[in-house]
């Protein structure tokens, strides 16, 4: 069974919260924001422990 996430956050390398939104959809979720190149963390929270993924944005 897939984890149902209800919140997504994007955090920069300095720990600053860049994006924070509650979500209702399951599966694919599209975010359109313009960020400078760099390292970011995507945190998805749900009913159980959060999932954090590190992403490198290159332009």
PDB file of N, CA and C in Angstrom:
ATOM      1  N   UNK A   1       0.837  -1.186   0.000  1.00  0.00           N
ATOM      2  CA  UNK A   1       0.000   0.000   0.000  1.00  0.00           C
ATOM      3  C   UNK A   1       0.879   1.246   0.000  1.00  0.00           C
ATOM      4  N   UNK A   2       0.548   2.201  -0.885  1.00  0.00           N
ATOM      5  CA  UNK A   2       1.323   3.431  -0.985  1.00  0.00           C
ATOM      6  C   UNK A   2       1.016   4.374   0.157  1.00  0.00           C
ATOM      7  N   UNK A   3       2.045   5.098   0.584  1.00  0.00           N
ATOM      8  CA  UNK A   3       1.890   6.139   1.611  1.00  0.00           C
ATOM      9  C   UNK A   3       1.059   7.285   1.038  1.00  0.00           C
ATOM     10  N   UNK A   4       0.112   7.778   1.794  1.00  0.00           N
ATOM     11  CA  UNK A   4      -0.685   8.932   1.379  1.00  0.00           C
ATOM     12  C   UNK A   4      -0.092  10.177   2.030  1.00  0.00           C
ATOM     13  N   UNK A   5       0.478  11.043   1.212  1.00  0.00           N
ATOM     14  CA  UNK A   5       1.064  12.279   1.715  1.00  0.00           C
ATOM     15  C   UNK A   5       0.035  13.398   1.644  1.00  0.00           C
ATOM     16  N   UNK A   6       0.046  14.291   2.639  1.00  0.00           N
ATOM     17  CA  UNK A   6      -0.907  15.400   2.632  1.00  0.00           C
ATOM     18  C   UNK A   6      -0.226  16.763   2.737  1.00  0.00           C
ATOM     19  N   UNK A   7       1.096  16.794   2.757  1.00  0.00           N
ATOM     20  CA  UNK A   7       1.824  18.063   2.827  1.00  0.00           C
ATOM     21  C   UNK A   7       3.161  17.899   2.113  1.00  0.00           C
ATOM     22  N   UNK A   8       3.534  18.937   1.358  1.00  0.00           N
ATOM     23  CA  UNK A   8       4.827  18.939   0.681  1.00  0.00           C
ATOM     24  C   UNK A   8       5.548  20.241   1.014  1.00  0.00           C
ATOM     25  N   UNK A   9       6.849  20.115   1.315  1.00  0.00           N
ATOM     26  CA  UNK A   9       7.674  21.273   1.639  1.00  0.00           C
ATOM     27  C   UNK A   9       8.965  21.196   0.828  1.00  0.00           C
ATOM     28  N   UNK A  10       9.465  22.354   0.403  1.00  0.00           N
ATOM     29  CA  UNK A  10      10.767  22.438  -0.249  1.00  0.00           C
ATOM     30  C   UNK A  10      11.630  23.357   0.604  1.00  0.00           C
ATOM     31  N   UNK A  11      12.818  22.873   0.948  1.00  0.00           N
ATOM     32  CA  UNK A  11      13.719  23.575   1.860  1.00  0.00           C
ATOM     33  C   UNK A  11      15.067  23.735   1.163  1.00  0.00           C
ATOM     34  N   UNK A  12      15.659  24.938   1.252  1.00  0.00           N
ATOM     35  CA  UNK A  12      16.963  25.141   0.619  1.00  0.00           C
ATOM     36  C   UNK A  12      18.089  24.645   1.527  1.00  0.00           C
ATOM     37  N   UNK A  13      19.326  24.761   1.044  1.00  0.00           N
ATOM     38  CA  UNK A  13      20.484  24.246   1.788  1.00  0.00           C
ATOM     39  C   UNK A  13      20.697  24.944   3.120  1.00  0.00           C
ATOM     40  N   UNK A  14      20.251  26.178   3.246  1.00  0.00           N
ATOM     41  CA  UNK A  14      20.409  26.918   4.496  1.00  0.00           C
ATOM     42  C   UNK A  14      19.291  26.617   5.498  1.00  0.00           C
ATOM     43  N   UNK A  15      18.327  25.787   5.097  1.00  0.00           N
ATOM     44  CA  UNK A  15      17.223  25.433   5.980  1.00  0.00           C
ATOM     45  C   UNK A  15      16.016  26.343   5.853  1.00  0.00           C
ATOM     46  N   UNK A  16      16.040  27.254   4.882  1.00  0.00           N
ATOM     47  CA  UNK A  16      14.921  28.177   4.667  1.00  0.00           C
ATOM     48  C   UNK A  16      13.792  27.463   3.926  1.00  0.00           C
ATOM     49  N   UNK A  17      12.581  27.608   4.446  1.00  0.00           N
ATOM     50  CA  UNK A  17      11.408  27.005   3.815  1.00  0.00           C
ATOM     51  C   UNK A  17      11.055  27.808   2.569  1.00  0.00           C
ATOM     52  N   UNK A  18      11.103  27.170   1.409  1.00  0.00           N
ATOM     53  CA  UNK A  18      10.861  27.819   0.126  1.00  0.00           C
ATOM     54  C   UNK A  18       9.412  27.634  -0.316  1.00  0.00           C
ATOM     55  N   UNK A  19       8.847  26.462  -0.031  1.00  0.00           N
ATOM     56  CA  UNK A  19       7.509  26.112  -0.506  1.00  0.00           C
ATOM     57  C   UNK A  19       6.863  25.222   0.538  1.00  0.00           C
ATOM     58  N   UNK A  20       5.586  25.465   0.810  1.00  0.00           N
ATOM     59  CA  UNK A  20       4.848  24.670   1.798  1.00  0.00           C
ATOM     60  C   UNK A  20       3.389  24.646   1.386  1.00  0.00           C
ATOM     61  N   UNK A  21       2.861  23.465   1.131  1.00  0.00           N
ATOM     62  CA  UNK A  21       1.470  23.377   0.702  1.00  0.00           C
ATOM     63  C   UNK A  21       0.840  22.059   1.138  1.00  0.00           C
ATOM     64  N   UNK A  22      -0.412  22.150   1.532  1.00  0.00           N
ATOM     65  CA  UNK A  22      -1.200  20.950   1.799  1.00  0.00           C
ATOM     66  C   UNK A  22      -1.687  20.413   0.471  1.00  0.00           C
ATOM     67  N   UNK A  23      -1.659  19.098   0.325  1.00  0.00           N
ATOM     68  CA  UNK A  23      -2.106  18.480  -0.923  1.00  0.00           C
ATOM     69  C   UNK A  23      -3.178  17.448  -0.618  1.00  0.00           C
ATOM     70  N   UNK A  24      -4.071  17.262  -1.576  1.00  0.00           N
ATOM     71  CA  UNK A  24      -5.157  16.301  -1.419  1.00  0.00           C
ATOM     72  C   UNK A  24      -5.044  15.143  -2.403  1.00  0.00           C
ATOM     73  N   UNK A  25      -4.271  15.339  -3.473  1.00  0.00           N
ATOM     74  CA  UNK A  25      -4.169  14.306  -4.495  1.00  0.00           C
ATOM     75  C   UNK A  25      -3.183  13.223  -4.085  1.00  0.00           C
ATOM     76  N   UNK A  26      -3.394  12.031  -4.606  1.00  0.00           N
ATOM     77  CA  UNK A  26      -2.440  10.942  -4.434  1.00  0.00           C
ATOM     78  C   UNK A  26      -1.767  10.715  -5.774  1.00  0.00           C
ATOM     79  N   UNK A  27      -0.546  10.234  -5.749  1.00  0.00           N
ATOM     80  CA  UNK A  27       0.169   9.969  -6.988  1.00  0.00           C
ATOM     81  C   UNK A  27       0.982  11.169  -7.433  1.00  0.00           C
ATOM     82  N   UNK A  28       0.890  11.512  -8.703  1.00  0.00           N
ATOM     83  CA  UNK A  28       1.693  12.568  -9.313  1.00  0.00           C
ATOM     84  C   UNK A  28       1.223  13.947  -8.874  1.00  0.00           C
ATOM     85  N   UNK A  29       2.177  14.797  -8.500  1.00  0.00           N
ATOM     86  CA  UNK A  29       1.861  16.166  -8.076  1.00  0.00           C
ATOM     87  C   UNK A  29       2.846  17.099  -8.754  1.00  0.00           C
ATOM     88  N   UNK A  30       2.350  18.118  -9.448  1.00  0.00           N
ATOM     89  CA  UNK A  30       3.176  19.046 -10.218  1.00  0.00           C
ATOM     90  C   UNK A  30       3.245  20.393  -9.512  1.00  0.00           C
ATOM     91  N   UNK A  31       4.463  20.906  -9.321  1.00  0.00           N
ATOM     92  CA  UNK A  31       4.682  22.214  -8.702  1.00  0.00           C
ATOM     93  C   UNK A  31       5.417  23.083  -9.719  1.00  0.00           C
ATOM     94  N   UNK A  32       4.870  24.249  -9.995  1.00  0.00           N
ATOM     95  CA  UNK A  32       5.522  25.164 -10.928  1.00  0.00           C
ATOM     96  C   UNK A  32       6.049  26.373 -10.153  1.00  0.00           C
ATOM     97  N   UNK A  33       7.333  26.306  -9.783  1.00  0.00           N
ATOM     98  CA  UNK A  33       7.991  27.431  -9.117  1.00  0.00           C
ATOM     99  C   UNK A  33       9.361  27.620  -9.747  1.00  0.00           C
ATOM    100  N   UNK A  34       9.821  28.840  -9.779  1.00  0.00           N
ATOM    101  CA  UNK A  34      11.113  29.156 -10.384  1.00  0.00           C
ATOM    102  C   UNK A  34      12.156  29.281  -9.276  1.00  0.00           C
ATOM    103  N   UNK A  35      13.043  28.311  -9.199  1.00  0.00           N
ATOM    104  CA  UNK A  35      14.090  28.300  -8.177  1.00  0.00           C
ATOM    105  C   UNK A  35      15.450  28.429  -8.846  1.00  0.00           C
ATOM    106  N   UNK A  36      16.391  29.095  -8.192  1.00  0.00           N
ATOM    107  CA  UNK A  36      17.752  29.116  -8.735  1.00  0.00           C
ATOM    108  C   UNK A  36      18.397  27.731  -8.613  1.00  0.00           C
ATOM    109  N   UNK A  37      19.426  27.516  -9.421  1.00  0.00           N
ATOM    110  CA  UNK A  37      20.161  26.248  -9.342  1.00  0.00           C
ATOM    111  C   UNK A  37      20.704  26.062  -7.933  1.00  0.00           C
ATOM    112  N   UNK A  38      20.725  24.822  -7.469  1.00  0.00           N
ATOM    113  CA  UNK A  38      21.246  24.540  -6.141  1.00  0.00           C
ATOM    114  C   UNK A  38      20.696  23.246  -5.586  1.00  0.00           C
ATOM    115  N   UNK A  39      21.026  22.973  -4.334  1.00  0.00           N
ATOM    116  CA  UNK A  39      20.585  21.767  -3.635  1.00  0.00           C
ATOM    117  C   UNK A  39      19.343  22.096  -2.816  1.00  0.00           C
ATOM    118  N   UNK A  40      18.342  21.227  -2.894  1.00  0.00           N
ATOM    119  CA  UNK A  40      17.094  21.419  -2.162  1.00  0.00           C
ATOM    120  C   UNK A  40      16.673  20.096  -1.536  1.00  0.00           C
ATOM    121  N   UNK A  41      15.838  20.195  -0.532  1.00  0.00           N
ATOM    122  CA  UNK A  41      15.253  19.026   0.110  1.00  0.00           C
ATOM    123  C   UNK A  41      13.746  19.096  -0.075  1.00  0.00           C
ATOM    124  N   UNK A  42      13.163  17.994  -0.501  1.00  0.00           N
ATOM    125  CA  UNK A  42      11.715  17.894  -0.653  1.00  0.00           C
ATOM    126  C   UNK A  42      11.221  16.982   0.463  1.00  0.00           C
ATOM    127  N   UNK A  43      10.375  17.524   1.318  1.00  0.00           N
ATOM    128  CA  UNK A  43       9.839  16.775   2.458  1.00  0.00           C
ATOM    129  C   UNK A  43       8.355  16.538   2.226  1.00  0.00           C
ATOM    130  N   UNK A  44       7.962  15.267   2.233  1.00  0.00           N
ATOM    131  CA  UNK A  44       6.561  14.894   2.066  1.00  0.00           C
ATOM    132  C   UNK A  44       6.086  14.250   3.358  1.00  0.00           C
ATOM    133  N   UNK A  45       5.031  14.800   3.931  1.00  0.00           N
ATOM    134  CA  UNK A  45       4.523  14.324   5.218  1.00  0.00           C
ATOM    135  C   UNK A  45       3.161  13.691   5.031  1.00  0.00           C
ATOM    136  N   UNK A  46       2.887  12.707   5.862  1.00  0.00           N
ATOM    137  CA  UNK A  46       1.599  12.031   5.832  1.00  0.00           C
ATOM    138  C   UNK A  46       1.254  11.519   7.208  1.00  0.00           C
ATOM    139  N   UNK A  47       0.568  10.394   7.236  1.00  0.00           N
ATOM    140  CA  UNK A  47       0.142   9.812   8.500  1.00  0.00           C
ATOM    141  C   UNK A  47       1.296   9.163   9.265  1.00  0.00           C
ATOM    142  N   UNK A  48       2.311   8.692   8.540  1.00  0.00           N
ATOM    143  CA  UNK A  48       3.461   8.087   9.219  1.00  0.00           C
ATOM    144  C   UNK A  48       4.661   9.025   9.102  1.00  0.00           C
ATOM    145  N   UNK A  49       5.854   8.507   9.278  1.00  0.00           N
ATOM    146  CA  UNK A  49       7.046   9.363   9.282  1.00  0.00           C
ATOM    147  C   UNK A  49       7.250  10.029   7.915  1.00  0.00           C
ATOM    148  N   UNK A  50       7.794  11.261   7.923  1.00  0.00           N
ATOM    149  CA  UNK A  50       7.968  11.987   6.661  1.00  0.00           C
ATOM    150  C   UNK A  50       9.048  11.367   5.778  1.00  0.00           C
ATOM    151  N   UNK A  51       8.932  11.618   4.490  1.00  0.00           N
ATOM    152  CA  UNK A  51       9.929  11.194   3.516  1.00  0.00           C
ATOM    153  C   UNK A  51      10.664  12.445   3.052  1.00  0.00           C
ATOM    154  N   UNK A  52      12.000  12.415   3.095  1.00  0.00           N
ATOM    155  CA  UNK A  52      12.801  13.558   2.677  1.00  0.00           C
ATOM    156  C   UNK A  52      13.734  13.108   1.559  1.00  0.00           C
ATOM    157  N   UNK A  53      13.676  13.818   0.435  1.00  0.00           N
ATOM    158  CA  UNK A  53      14.529  13.521  -0.713  1.00  0.00           C
ATOM    159  C   UNK A  53      15.385  14.740  -1.020  1.00  0.00           C
ATOM    160  N   UNK A  54      16.658  14.512  -1.310  1.00  0.00           N
ATOM    161  CA  UNK A  54      17.559  15.596  -1.693  1.00  0.00           C
ATOM    162  C   UNK A  54      17.549  15.688  -3.213  1.00  0.00           C
ATOM    163  N   UNK A  55      17.412  16.916  -3.746  1.00  0.00           N
ATOM    164  CA  UNK A  55      17.442  17.101  -5.194  1.00  0.00           C
ATOM    165  C   UNK A  55      18.472  18.166  -5.548  1.00  0.00           C
ATOM    166  N   UNK A  56      19.108  17.998  -6.686  1.00  0.00           N
ATOM    167  CA  UNK A  56      20.055  18.970  -7.208  1.00  0.00           C
ATOM    168  C   UNK A  56      19.423  19.579  -8.447  1.00  0.00           C
ATOM    169  N   UNK A  57      19.167  20.874  -8.404  1.00  0.00           N
ATOM    170  CA  UNK A  57      18.553  21.586  -9.518  1.00  0.00           C
ATOM    171  C   UNK A  57      19.658  22.270 -10.310  1.00  0.00           C
ATOM    172  N   UNK A  58      19.779  21.886 -11.583  1.00  0.00           N
ATOM    173  CA  UNK A  58      20.805  22.464 -12.455  1.00  0.00           C
ATOM    174  C   UNK A  58      20.114  23.212 -13.580  1.00  0.00           C
ATOM    175  N   UNK A  59      20.641  24.377 -13.904  1.00  0.00           N
ATOM    176  CA  UNK A  59      20.067  25.170 -15.008  1.00  0.00           C
ATOM    177  C   UNK A  59      21.127  25.479 -16.027  1.00  0.00           C
TER     178      UNK A  59
END
